[in-house]
Amino acid sequence: MALDPRLLEILACPDDKGPLYYFESGVVPQSTDGALLCPACRRRYDVRDDIPVMLIDEATVLSQAEVDTLLERARAEGIAPTFAP
């Protein structure tokens, strides 16, 4: 099940308060229920049981290459950020 669109409209990175990209399950490796990506700080926040885990200590820091790959996929699939900065 996907995250509620109303929730996505208000979600921001807890570290830099920037927009996030939501990827549903199966898109991000090692993330079974989906993930939220903050491209600015390169953090991936997992979604577990349809609940975003927005804890900085539990986030995974990705390499710039991984972020670039995910952003390219977001553009190709029309995935928009949670809000416009």
Protein backbone atom coordinates (compact mmCIF):
# COMPACT_ATOMS: atom_id res chain seq x y z
CA MET A 1 0.00 0.00 0.00
CA ALA A 2 1.28 3.47 -0.86
CA LEU A 3 1.61 6.33 1.57
CA ASP A 4 -1.32 8.71 1.87
CA PRO A 5 -0.87 11.62 -0.59
CA ARG A 6 -1.90 14.09 2.14
CA LEU A 7 0.93 12.81 4.33
CA LEU A 8 3.42 13.11 1.47
CA GLU A 9 2.49 16.78 1.00
CA ILE A 10 3.79 17.65 4.47
CA LEU A 11 6.77 15.34 4.87
CA ALA A 12 10.20 16.94 4.97
CA CYS A 13 13.66 15.70 5.83
CA PRO A 14 14.09 15.92 9.62
CA ASP A 15 17.72 16.97 9.15
CA ASP A 16 17.67 19.72 6.53
CA LYS A 17 13.87 20.28 6.27
CA GLY A 18 14.10 19.79 2.50
CA PRO A 19 11.77 17.92 0.16
CA LEU A 20 11.77 14.15 -0.16
CA TYR A 21 11.13 11.72 -3.00
CA TYR A 22 8.89 8.76 -2.24
CA PHE A 23 9.72 5.45 -3.87
CA GLU A 24 7.23 2.64 -3.44
CA SER A 25 8.28 -0.88 -2.48
CA GLY A 26 10.70 -2.71 -4.73
CA VAL A 27 12.37 0.40 -6.15
CA VAL A 28 15.05 1.05 -3.56
CA PRO A 29 17.33 -1.91 -2.76
CA GLN A 30 17.08 -3.24 0.82
CA SER A 31 13.84 -1.34 1.40
CA THR A 32 10.86 -3.67 1.29
CA ASP A 33 7.99 -1.24 2.02
CA GLY A 34 9.37 1.76 0.17
CA ALA A 35 11.62 4.65 1.05
CA LEU A 36 11.89 8.40 1.17
CA LEU A 37 15.00 10.01 -0.28
CA CYS A 38 16.47 13.37 0.70
CA PRO A 39 18.81 14.21 -2.19
CA ALA A 40 20.42 17.14 -0.36
CA CYS A 41 21.75 15.15 2.59
CA ARG A 42 21.71 11.78 0.73
CA ARG A 43 19.64 10.09 3.44
CA ARG A 44 17.17 7.29 2.78
CA TYR A 45 14.34 6.93 5.27
CA ASP A 46 12.66 3.54 5.13
CA VAL A 47 8.92 2.99 5.19
CA ARG A 48 7.86 0.11 7.41
CA ASP A 49 4.28 -1.15 7.50
CA ASP A 50 3.23 2.01 5.62
CA ILE A 51 4.81 4.23 8.29
CA PRO A 52 7.77 6.44 7.35
CA VAL A 53 10.62 6.05 9.84
CA MET A 54 11.84 9.65 9.97
CA LEU A 55 14.61 9.18 12.51
CA ILE A 56 18.01 10.51 11.45
CA ASP A 57 19.79 7.79 13.44
CA GLU A 58 17.92 5.07 11.52
CA ALA A 59 18.40 6.62 8.07
CA THR A 60 20.85 5.19 5.58
CA VAL A 61 23.35 7.58 4.00
CA LEU A 62 23.69 6.80 0.30
CA SER A 63 26.57 7.51 -2.04
CA GLN A 64 26.18 10.36 -4.51
CA ALA A 65 26.03 7.79 -7.34
CA GLU A 66 23.10 6.01 -5.64
CA VAL A 67 21.29 9.33 -5.17
CA ASP A 68 21.89 10.28 -8.82
CA THR A 69 20.50 6.92 -9.96
CA LEU A 70 17.37 7.34 -7.84
CA LEU A 71 16.83 10.94 -9.00
CA GLU A 72 17.16 9.81 -12.61
CA ARG A 73 14.56 7.13 -11.95
CA ALA A 74 12.28 9.69 -10.27
CA ARG A 75 12.48 11.94 -13.34
CA ALA A 76 11.82 9.01 -15.69
CA GLU A 77 8.81 7.85 -13.68
CA GLY A 78 7.42 11.31 -12.96
CA ILE A 79 7.97 11.11 -9.20
CA ALA A 80 7.75 14.62 -7.79
CA PRO A 81 9.25 15.82 -4.52
CA THR A 82 6.97 16.11 -1.50
CA PHE A 83 6.95 19.90 -1.92
CA ALA A 84 8.69 22.55 -4.00
CA PRO A 85 11.55 24.24 -2.14
